[in-house]
PDB file of all heavy atoms in Angstrom:
ATOM      1  N   LEU A   1      -0.859  -2.463 -19.960  1.00  0.00           N
ATOM      2  CA  LEU A   1      -0.008  -1.355 -19.504  1.00  0.00           C
ATOM      3  C   LEU A   1      -0.881  -0.238 -19.018  1.00  0.00           C
ATOM      4  O   LEU A   1      -0.628   0.388 -17.975  1.00  0.00           O
ATOM      5  CB  LEU A   1       0.756  -0.850 -20.755  1.00  0.00           C
ATOM      6  CG  LEU A   1       2.048   0.010 -20.420  1.00  0.00           C
ATOM      7  CD1 LEU A   1       3.026  -0.848 -19.728  1.00  0.00           C
ATOM      8  CD2 LEU A   1       2.679   0.475 -21.813  1.00  0.00           C
ATOM      9  N   HIS A   2      -2.055   0.080 -19.681  1.00  0.00           N
ATOM     10  CA  HIS A   2      -3.047   0.980 -19.260  1.00  0.00           C
ATOM     11  C   HIS A   2      -3.504   0.577 -17.891  1.00  0.00           C
ATOM     12  O   HIS A   2      -3.642   1.438 -16.941  1.00  0.00           O
ATOM     13  CB  HIS A   2      -4.197   1.186 -20.192  1.00  0.00           C
ATOM     14  CG  HIS A   2      -3.762   1.952 -21.495  1.00  0.00           C
ATOM     15  ND1 HIS A   2      -4.472   3.054 -21.907  1.00  0.00           N
ATOM     16  CD2 HIS A   2      -2.849   1.708 -22.394  1.00  0.00           C
ATOM     17  CE1 HIS A   2      -3.928   3.512 -23.068  1.00  0.00           C
ATOM     18  NE2 HIS A   2      -2.954   2.751 -23.317  1.00  0.00           N
ATOM     19  N   GLN A   3      -3.888  -0.606 -17.756  1.00  0.00           N
ATOM     20  CA  GLN A   3      -4.508  -1.146 -16.510  1.00  0.00           C
ATOM     21  C   GLN A   3      -3.468  -1.008 -15.376  1.00  0.00           C
ATOM     22  O   GLN A   3      -3.848  -0.651 -14.230  1.00  0.00           O
ATOM     23  CB  GLN A   3      -4.913  -2.548 -16.669  1.00  0.00           C
ATOM     24  CG  GLN A   3      -6.128  -2.805 -17.611  1.00  0.00           C
ATOM     25  CD  GLN A   3      -6.299  -4.245 -17.899  1.00  0.00           C
ATOM     26  OE1 GLN A   3      -5.479  -5.191 -17.783  1.00  0.00           O
ATOM     27  NE2 GLN A   3      -7.568  -4.551 -18.427  1.00  0.00           N
ATOM     28  N   LEU A   4      -2.227  -1.203 -15.662  1.00  0.00           N
ATOM     29  CA  LEU A   4      -1.264  -1.186 -14.594  1.00  0.00           C
ATOM     30  C   LEU A   4      -1.076   0.344 -14.106  1.00  0.00           C
ATOM     31  O   LEU A   4      -0.843   0.584 -12.934  1.00  0.00           O
ATOM     32  CB  LEU A   4       0.171  -1.635 -15.188  1.00  0.00           C
ATOM     33  CG  LEU A   4       1.324  -1.525 -14.186  1.00  0.00           C
ATOM     34  CD1 LEU A   4       1.115  -2.190 -12.944  1.00  0.00           C
ATOM     35  CD2 LEU A   4       2.568  -2.086 -14.955  1.00  0.00           C
ATOM     36  N   VAL A   5      -1.013   1.233 -15.069  1.00  0.00           N
ATOM     37  CA  VAL A   5      -0.985   2.690 -14.570  1.00  0.00           C
ATOM     38  C   VAL A   5      -2.088   3.026 -13.769  1.00  0.00           C
ATOM     39  O   VAL A   5      -1.921   3.720 -12.629  1.00  0.00           O
ATOM     40  CB  VAL A   5      -0.832   3.621 -15.823  1.00  0.00           C
ATOM     41  CG1 VAL A   5      -0.834   5.070 -15.478  1.00  0.00           C
ATOM     42  CG2 VAL A   5       0.489   3.248 -16.575  1.00  0.00           C
ATOM     43  N   VAL A   6      -3.351   2.718 -14.136  1.00  0.00           N
ATOM     44  CA  VAL A   6      -4.508   2.944 -13.392  1.00  0.00           C
ATOM     45  C   VAL A   6      -4.386   2.282 -12.035  1.00  0.00           C
ATOM     46  O   VAL A   6      -4.727   2.879 -10.999  1.00  0.00           O
ATOM     47  CB  VAL A   6      -5.803   2.575 -14.141  1.00  0.00           C
ATOM     48  CG1 VAL A   6      -7.033   2.619 -13.193  1.00  0.00           C
ATOM     49  CG2 VAL A   6      -5.963   3.346 -15.388  1.00  0.00           C
ATOM     50  N   GLU A   7      -3.960   1.032 -11.978  1.00  0.00           N
ATOM     51  CA  GLU A   7      -3.883   0.351 -10.760  1.00  0.00           C
ATOM     52  C   GLU A   7      -2.874   0.988  -9.790  1.00  0.00           C
ATOM     53  O   GLU A   7      -3.056   1.089  -8.557  1.00  0.00           O
ATOM     54  CB  GLU A   7      -3.455  -1.076 -11.037  1.00  0.00           C
ATOM     55  CG  GLU A   7      -3.259  -1.894  -9.778  1.00  0.00           C
ATOM     56  CD  GLU A   7      -2.732  -3.316  -9.992  1.00  0.00           C
ATOM     57  OE1 GLU A   7      -2.799  -3.787 -11.139  1.00  0.00           O
ATOM     58  OE2 GLU A   7      -2.124  -3.877  -9.026  1.00  0.00           O
ATOM     59  N   SER A   8      -1.686   1.518 -10.326  1.00  0.00           N
ATOM     60  CA  SER A   8      -0.731   2.125  -9.493  1.00  0.00           C
ATOM     61  C   SER A   8      -1.307   3.354  -8.757  1.00  0.00           C
ATOM     62  O   SER A   8      -1.062   3.630  -7.636  1.00  0.00           O
ATOM     63  CB  SER A   8       0.500   2.469 -10.302  1.00  0.00           C
ATOM     64  OG  SER A   8       0.314   3.629 -11.182  1.00  0.00           O
ATOM     65  N   VAL A   9      -2.090   4.125  -9.572  1.00  0.00           N
ATOM     66  CA  VAL A   9      -2.734   5.361  -8.942  1.00  0.00           C
ATOM     67  C   VAL A   9      -3.767   4.994  -7.945  1.00  0.00           C
ATOM     68  O   VAL A   9      -3.964   5.620  -6.909  1.00  0.00           O
ATOM     69  CB  VAL A   9      -3.336   6.323 -10.071  1.00  0.00           C
ATOM     70  CG1 VAL A   9      -4.006   7.492  -9.331  1.00  0.00           C
ATOM     71  CG2 VAL A   9      -2.180   6.819 -10.994  1.00  0.00           C
ATOM     72  N   ALA A  10      -4.541   3.933  -8.272  1.00  0.00           N
ATOM     73  CA  ALA A  10      -5.640   3.413  -7.288  1.00  0.00           C
ATOM     74  C   ALA A  10      -4.962   2.940  -5.996  1.00  0.00           C
ATOM     75  O   ALA A  10      -5.547   3.154  -4.976  1.00  0.00           O
ATOM     76  CB  ALA A  10      -6.417   2.266  -7.957  1.00  0.00           C
ATOM     77  N   ARG A  11      -3.865   2.287  -6.173  1.00  0.00           N
ATOM     78  CA  ARG A  11      -3.200   1.799  -4.924  1.00  0.00           C
ATOM     79  C   ARG A  11      -2.677   3.013  -4.066  1.00  0.00           C
ATOM     80  O   ARG A  11      -2.789   2.979  -2.865  1.00  0.00           O
ATOM     81  CB  ARG A  11      -2.004   0.941  -5.353  1.00  0.00           C
ATOM     82  CG  ARG A  11      -2.257  -0.441  -5.763  1.00  0.00           C
ATOM     83  CD  ARG A  11      -0.978  -1.247  -5.910  1.00  0.00           C
ATOM     84  NE  ARG A  11      -1.164  -2.601  -6.265  1.00  0.00           N
ATOM     85  CZ  ARG A  11      -0.201  -3.504  -6.416  1.00  0.00           C
ATOM     86  NH1 ARG A  11       1.035  -3.082  -6.240  1.00  0.00           N
ATOM     87  NH2 ARG A  11      -0.403  -4.745  -6.674  1.00  0.00           N
ATOM     88  N   ALA A  12      -2.244   4.014  -4.757  1.00  0.00           N
ATOM     89  CA  ALA A  12      -1.785   5.227  -4.121  1.00  0.00           C
ATOM     90  C   ALA A  12      -2.986   5.898  -3.347  1.00  0.00           C
ATOM     91  O   ALA A  12      -2.848   6.275  -2.191  1.00  0.00           O
ATOM     92  CB  ALA A  12      -1.134   6.211  -5.022  1.00  0.00           C
ATOM     93  N   ASN A  13      -4.119   5.908  -4.026  1.00  0.00           N
ATOM     94  CA  ASN A  13      -5.313   6.481  -3.423  1.00  0.00           C
ATOM     95  C   ASN A  13      -5.669   5.757  -2.145  1.00  0.00           C
ATOM     96  O   ASN A  13      -6.028   6.347  -1.081  1.00  0.00           O
ATOM     97  CB  ASN A  13      -6.470   6.365  -4.452  1.00  0.00           C
ATOM     98  CG  ASN A  13      -7.813   7.046  -3.941  1.00  0.00           C
ATOM     99  OD1 ASN A  13      -7.747   8.225  -3.762  1.00  0.00           O
ATOM    100  ND2 ASN A  13      -8.813   6.256  -3.817  1.00  0.00           N
ATOM    101  N   ALA A  14      -5.755   4.410  -2.240  1.00  0.00           N
ATOM    102  CA  ALA A  14      -6.058   3.602  -1.023  1.00  0.00           C
ATOM    103  C   ALA A  14      -5.065   3.751   0.085  1.00  0.00           C
ATOM    104  O   ALA A  14      -5.388   3.800   1.240  1.00  0.00           O
ATOM    105  CB  ALA A  14      -6.139   2.105  -1.388  1.00  0.00           C
ATOM    106  N   SER A  15      -3.799   3.886  -0.216  1.00  0.00           N
ATOM    107  CA  SER A  15      -2.718   4.027   0.760  1.00  0.00           C
ATOM    108  C   SER A  15      -2.817   5.445   1.435  1.00  0.00           C
ATOM    109  O   SER A  15      -2.587   5.406   2.743  1.00  0.00           O
ATOM    110  CB  SER A  15      -1.331   3.884   0.116  1.00  0.00           C
ATOM    111  OG  SER A  15      -1.114   2.614  -0.473  1.00  0.00           O
ATOM    112  N   ILE A  16      -3.194   6.461   0.790  1.00  0.00           N
ATOM    113  CA  ILE A  16      -3.345   7.738   1.438  1.00  0.00           C
ATOM    114  C   ILE A  16      -4.546   7.715   2.316  1.00  0.00           C
ATOM    115  O   ILE A  16      -4.482   8.244   3.521  1.00  0.00           O
ATOM    116  CB  ILE A  16      -3.512   8.829   0.326  1.00  0.00           C
ATOM    117  CG1 ILE A  16      -2.218   8.962  -0.531  1.00  0.00           C
ATOM    118  CG2 ILE A  16      -3.959  10.174   0.980  1.00  0.00           C
ATOM    119  CD1 ILE A  16      -2.259   9.783  -1.684  1.00  0.00           C
ATOM    120  N   ILE A  17      -5.691   7.121   1.851  1.00  0.00           N
ATOM    121  CA  ILE A  17      -6.878   7.056   2.664  1.00  0.00           C
ATOM    122  C   ILE A  17      -6.640   6.202   3.903  1.00  0.00           C
ATOM    123  O   ILE A  17      -7.014   6.639   5.137  1.00  0.00           O
ATOM    124  CB  ILE A  17      -8.074   6.502   1.950  1.00  0.00           C
ATOM    125  CG1 ILE A  17      -8.487   7.491   0.820  1.00  0.00           C
ATOM    126  CG2 ILE A  17      -9.237   6.197   2.803  1.00  0.00           C
ATOM    127  CD1 ILE A  17      -9.458   6.969  -0.147  1.00  0.00           C
ATOM    128  N   ASP A  18      -5.894   5.143   3.864  1.00  0.00           N
ATOM    129  CA  ASP A  18      -5.487   4.246   5.006  1.00  0.00           C
ATOM    130  C   ASP A  18      -4.729   5.017   6.000  1.00  0.00           C
ATOM    131  O   ASP A  18      -4.946   4.959   7.170  1.00  0.00           O
ATOM    132  CB  ASP A  18      -4.856   3.017   4.512  1.00  0.00           C
ATOM    133  CG  ASP A  18      -5.717   2.011   3.808  1.00  0.00           C
ATOM    134  OD1 ASP A  18      -6.954   2.178   3.886  1.00  0.00           O
ATOM    135  OD2 ASP A  18      -5.250   1.098   3.065  1.00  0.00           O
ATOM    136  N   ALA A  19      -3.738   5.791   5.509  1.00  0.00           N
ATOM    137  CA  ALA A  19      -2.841   6.574   6.385  1.00  0.00           C
ATOM    138  C   ALA A  19      -3.724   7.575   7.082  1.00  0.00           C
ATOM    139  O   ALA A  19      -3.422   7.872   8.335  1.00  0.00           O
ATOM    140  CB  ALA A  19      -1.696   7.180   5.539  1.00  0.00           C
ATOM    141  N   ALA A  20      -4.620   8.202   6.440  1.00  0.00           N
ATOM    142  CA  ALA A  20      -5.436   9.290   7.047  1.00  0.00           C
ATOM    143  C   ALA A  20      -6.311   8.742   8.145  1.00  0.00           C
ATOM    144  O   ALA A  20      -6.598   9.337   9.157  1.00  0.00           O
ATOM    145  CB  ALA A  20      -6.267   9.971   6.062  1.00  0.00           C
ATOM    146  N   GLU A  21      -6.868   7.501   7.910  1.00  0.00           N
ATOM    147  CA  GLU A  21      -7.668   6.809   8.871  1.00  0.00           C
ATOM    148  C   GLU A  21      -6.893   6.372  10.139  1.00  0.00           C
ATOM    149  O   GLU A  21      -7.522   6.381  11.168  1.00  0.00           O
ATOM    150  CB  GLU A  21      -8.441   5.684   8.171  1.00  0.00           C
ATOM    151  CG  GLU A  21      -9.473   6.131   7.101  1.00  0.00           C
ATOM    152  CD  GLU A  21     -10.050   4.880   6.505  1.00  0.00           C
ATOM    153  OE1 GLU A  21      -9.560   3.794   6.666  1.00  0.00           O
ATOM    154  OE2 GLU A  21     -11.071   5.128   5.774  1.00  0.00           O
ATOM    155  N   ASN A  22      -5.619   6.068   9.957  1.00  0.00           N
ATOM    156  CA  ASN A  22      -4.847   5.607  11.069  1.00  0.00           C
ATOM    157  C   ASN A  22      -4.188   6.787  11.768  1.00  0.00           C
ATOM    158  O   ASN A  22      -3.792   6.665  12.987  1.00  0.00           O
ATOM    159  CB  ASN A  22      -3.813   4.686  10.543  1.00  0.00           C
ATOM    160  CG  ASN A  22      -4.389   3.418  10.028  1.00  0.00           C
ATOM    161  OD1 ASN A  22      -5.346   2.921  10.543  1.00  0.00           O
ATOM    162  ND2 ASN A  22      -3.672   2.794   9.022  1.00  0.00           N
ATOM    163  N   GLU A  23      -3.994   7.894  11.147  1.00  0.00           N
ATOM    164  CA  GLU A  23      -3.343   9.051  11.891  1.00  0.00           C
ATOM    165  C   GLU A  23      -4.259  10.274  11.749  1.00  0.00           C
ATOM    166  O   GLU A  23      -4.362  11.001  10.655  1.00  0.00           O
ATOM    167  CB  GLU A  23      -2.006   9.419  11.194  1.00  0.00           C
ATOM    168  CG  GLU A  23      -1.028   8.232  11.245  1.00  0.00           C
ATOM    169  CD  GLU A  23      -0.485   7.987  12.662  1.00  0.00           C
ATOM    170  OE1 GLU A  23      -0.606   8.946  13.440  1.00  0.00           O
ATOM    171  OE2 GLU A  23       0.075   6.912  12.846  1.00  0.00           O
ATOM    172  N   PRO A  24      -4.910  10.681  12.714  1.00  0.00           N
ATOM    173  CA  PRO A  24      -5.958  11.744  12.733  1.00  0.00           C
ATOM    174  C   PRO A  24      -5.308  13.080  12.191  1.00  0.00           C
ATOM    175  O   PRO A  24      -6.186  13.873  11.602  1.00  0.00           O
ATOM    176  CB  PRO A  24      -6.411  11.913  14.194  1.00  0.00           C
ATOM    177  CG  PRO A  24      -6.152  10.547  14.773  1.00  0.00           C
ATOM    178  CD  PRO A  24      -4.930   9.977  14.106  1.00  0.00           C
ATOM    179  N   GLN A  25      -4.071  13.292  12.412  1.00  0.00           N
ATOM    180  CA  GLN A  25      -3.474  14.553  12.023  1.00  0.00           C
ATOM    181  C   GLN A  25      -3.373  14.638  10.469  1.00  0.00           C
ATOM    182  O   GLN A  25      -3.140  15.734   9.918  1.00  0.00           O
ATOM    183  CB  GLN A  25      -2.061  14.807  12.514  1.00  0.00           C
ATOM    184  CG  GLN A  25      -0.989  13.881  12.120  1.00  0.00           C
ATOM    185  CD  GLN A  25      -0.854  12.627  12.895  1.00  0.00           C
ATOM    186  OE1 GLN A  25      -1.869  12.134  13.507  1.00  0.00           O
ATOM    187  NE2 GLN A  25       0.325  12.093  13.059  1.00  0.00           N
ATOM    188  N   PHE A  26      -3.545  13.569   9.740  1.00  0.00           N
ATOM    189  CA  PHE A  26      -3.501  13.545   8.339  1.00  0.00           C
ATOM    190  C   PHE A  26      -4.936  13.597   7.786  1.00  0.00           C
ATOM    191  O   PHE A  26      -4.998  13.449   6.473  1.00  0.00           O
ATOM    192  CB  PHE A  26      -2.727  12.299   7.807  1.00  0.00           C
ATOM    193  CG  PHE A  26      -1.296  12.194   8.278  1.00  0.00           C
ATOM    194  CD1 PHE A  26      -0.661  11.016   8.417  1.00  0.00           C
ATOM    195  CD2 PHE A  26      -0.608  13.418   8.443  1.00  0.00           C
ATOM    196  CE1 PHE A  26       0.589  10.975   8.823  1.00  0.00           C
ATOM    197  CE2 PHE A  26       0.695  13.376   8.928  1.00  0.00           C
ATOM    198  CZ  PHE A  26       1.366  12.174   8.990  1.00  0.00           C
ATOM    199  N   HIS A  27      -5.928  13.664   8.502  1.00  0.00           N
ATOM    200  CA  HIS A  27      -7.301  13.694   8.000  1.00  0.00           C
ATOM    201  C   HIS A  27      -7.489  14.879   6.955  1.00  0.00           C
ATOM    202  O   HIS A  27      -7.098  15.984   7.270  1.00  0.00           O
ATOM    203  CB  HIS A  27      -8.302  13.847   9.165  1.00  0.00           C
ATOM    204  CG  HIS A  27      -9.728  13.883   8.658  1.00  0.00           C
ATOM    205  ND1 HIS A  27     -10.350  12.780   8.174  1.00  0.00           N
ATOM    206  CD2 HIS A  27     -10.572  14.897   8.586  1.00  0.00           C
ATOM    207  CE1 HIS A  27     -11.573  13.107   7.849  1.00  0.00           C
ATOM    208  NE2 HIS A  27     -11.761  14.451   8.064  1.00  0.00           N
ATOM    209  N   GLY A  28      -8.093  14.552   5.814  1.00  0.00           N
ATOM    210  CA  GLY A  28      -8.342  15.560   4.848  1.00  0.00           C
ATOM    211  C   GLY A  28      -7.218  15.762   3.853  1.00  0.00           C
ATOM    212  O   GLY A  28      -7.402  16.611   2.918  1.00  0.00           O
ATOM    213  N   MET A  29      -6.093  15.047   4.000  1.00  0.00           N
ATOM    214  CA  MET A  29      -5.011  15.265   3.065  1.00  0.00           C
ATOM    215  C   MET A  29      -5.427  14.592   1.710  1.00  0.00           C
ATOM    216  O   MET A  29      -6.239  13.685   1.632  1.00  0.00           O
ATOM    217  CB  MET A  29      -3.678  14.711   3.558  1.00  0.00           C
ATOM    218  CG  MET A  29      -3.654  13.138   3.730  1.00  0.00           C
ATOM    219  SD  MET A  29      -2.008  12.696   4.299  1.00  0.00           S
ATOM    220  CE  MET A  29      -2.262  10.848   4.400  1.00  0.00           C
ATOM    221  N   GLY A  30      -4.720  15.000   0.764  1.00  0.00           N
ATOM    222  CA  GLY A  30      -4.915  14.517  -0.619  1.00  0.00           C
ATOM    223  C   GLY A  30      -3.839  15.109  -1.557  1.00  0.00           C
ATOM    224  O   GLY A  30      -2.979  15.855  -1.113  1.00  0.00           O
ATOM    225  N   THR A  31      -3.840  14.678  -2.779  1.00  0.00           N
ATOM    226  CA  THR A  31      -2.808  15.195  -3.748  1.00  0.00           C
ATOM    227  C   THR A  31      -3.293  15.025  -5.159  1.00  0.00           C
ATOM    228  O   THR A  31      -4.157  14.178  -5.472  1.00  0.00           O
ATOM    229  CB  THR A  31      -1.561  14.275  -3.532  1.00  0.00           C
ATOM    230  OG1 THR A  31      -0.511  14.786  -4.398  1.00  0.00           O
ATOM    231  CG2 THR A  31      -1.813  12.822  -3.821  1.00  0.00           C
ATOM    232  N   THR A  32      -2.734  15.844  -6.029  1.00  0.00           N
ATOM    233  CA  THR A  32      -2.891  15.698  -7.525  1.00  0.00           C
ATOM    234  C   THR A  32      -1.831  14.610  -7.862  1.00  0.00           C
ATOM    235  O   THR A  32      -0.837  14.366  -7.140  1.00  0.00           O
ATOM    236  CB  THR A  32      -2.634  16.923  -8.235  1.00  0.00           C
ATOM    237  OG1 THR A  32      -1.206  17.226  -8.142  1.00  0.00           O
ATOM    238  CG2 THR A  32      -3.472  18.061  -7.744  1.00  0.00           C
ATOM    239  N   VAL A  33      -1.999  14.002  -9.029  1.00  0.00           N
ATOM    240  CA  VAL A  33      -1.011  13.049  -9.488  1.00  0.00           C
ATOM    241  C   VAL A  33      -1.013  13.176 -11.078  1.00  0.00           C
ATOM    242  O   VAL A  33      -2.178  13.203 -11.653  1.00  0.00           O
ATOM    243  CB  VAL A  33      -1.214  11.598  -9.105  1.00  0.00           C
ATOM    244  CG1 VAL A  33      -0.401  10.672  -9.945  1.00  0.00           C
ATOM    245  CG2 VAL A  33      -0.938  11.370  -7.732  1.00  0.00           C
ATOM    246  N   VAL A  34       0.139  13.128 -11.736  1.00  0.00           N
ATOM    247  CA  VAL A  34       0.218  12.935 -13.099  1.00  0.00           C
ATOM    248  C   VAL A  34       1.368  11.918 -13.372  1.00  0.00           C
ATOM    249  O   VAL A  34       2.483  12.142 -12.838  1.00  0.00           O
ATOM    250  CB  VAL A  34       0.424  14.270 -13.842  1.00  0.00           C
ATOM    251  CG1 VAL A  34       1.677  14.968 -13.330  1.00  0.00           C
ATOM    252  CG2 VAL A  34       0.551  14.064 -15.419  1.00  0.00           C
ATOM    253  N   VAL A  35       1.054  10.944 -14.090  1.00  0.00           N
ATOM    254  CA  VAL A  35       2.005   9.761 -14.388  1.00  0.00           C
ATOM    255  C   VAL A  35       2.171   9.723 -15.897  1.00  0.00           C
ATOM    256  O   VAL A  35       1.218   9.598 -16.657  1.00  0.00           O
ATOM    257  CB  VAL A  35       1.426   8.470 -13.785  1.00  0.00           C
ATOM    258  CG1 VAL A  35       2.524   7.396 -14.004  1.00  0.00           C
ATOM    259  CG2 VAL A  35       1.091   8.598 -12.371  1.00  0.00           C
ATOM    260  N   GLY A  36       3.416   9.696 -16.334  1.00  0.00           N
ATOM    261  CA  GLY A  36       3.731   9.424 -17.793  1.00  0.00           C
ATOM    262  C   GLY A  36       4.523   8.128 -17.837  1.00  0.00           C
ATOM    263  O   GLY A  36       5.605   8.047 -17.219  1.00  0.00           O
TER     264      GLY A  36
END
């Protein structure tokens, strides 16, 4: 369960970076996250 929560945030991290690399206007974007 712990590993799944960490994996879900890690996937989100990779997805945001991929989107920024594919769309220059999104370069430098990021976000906080809290998951319960």
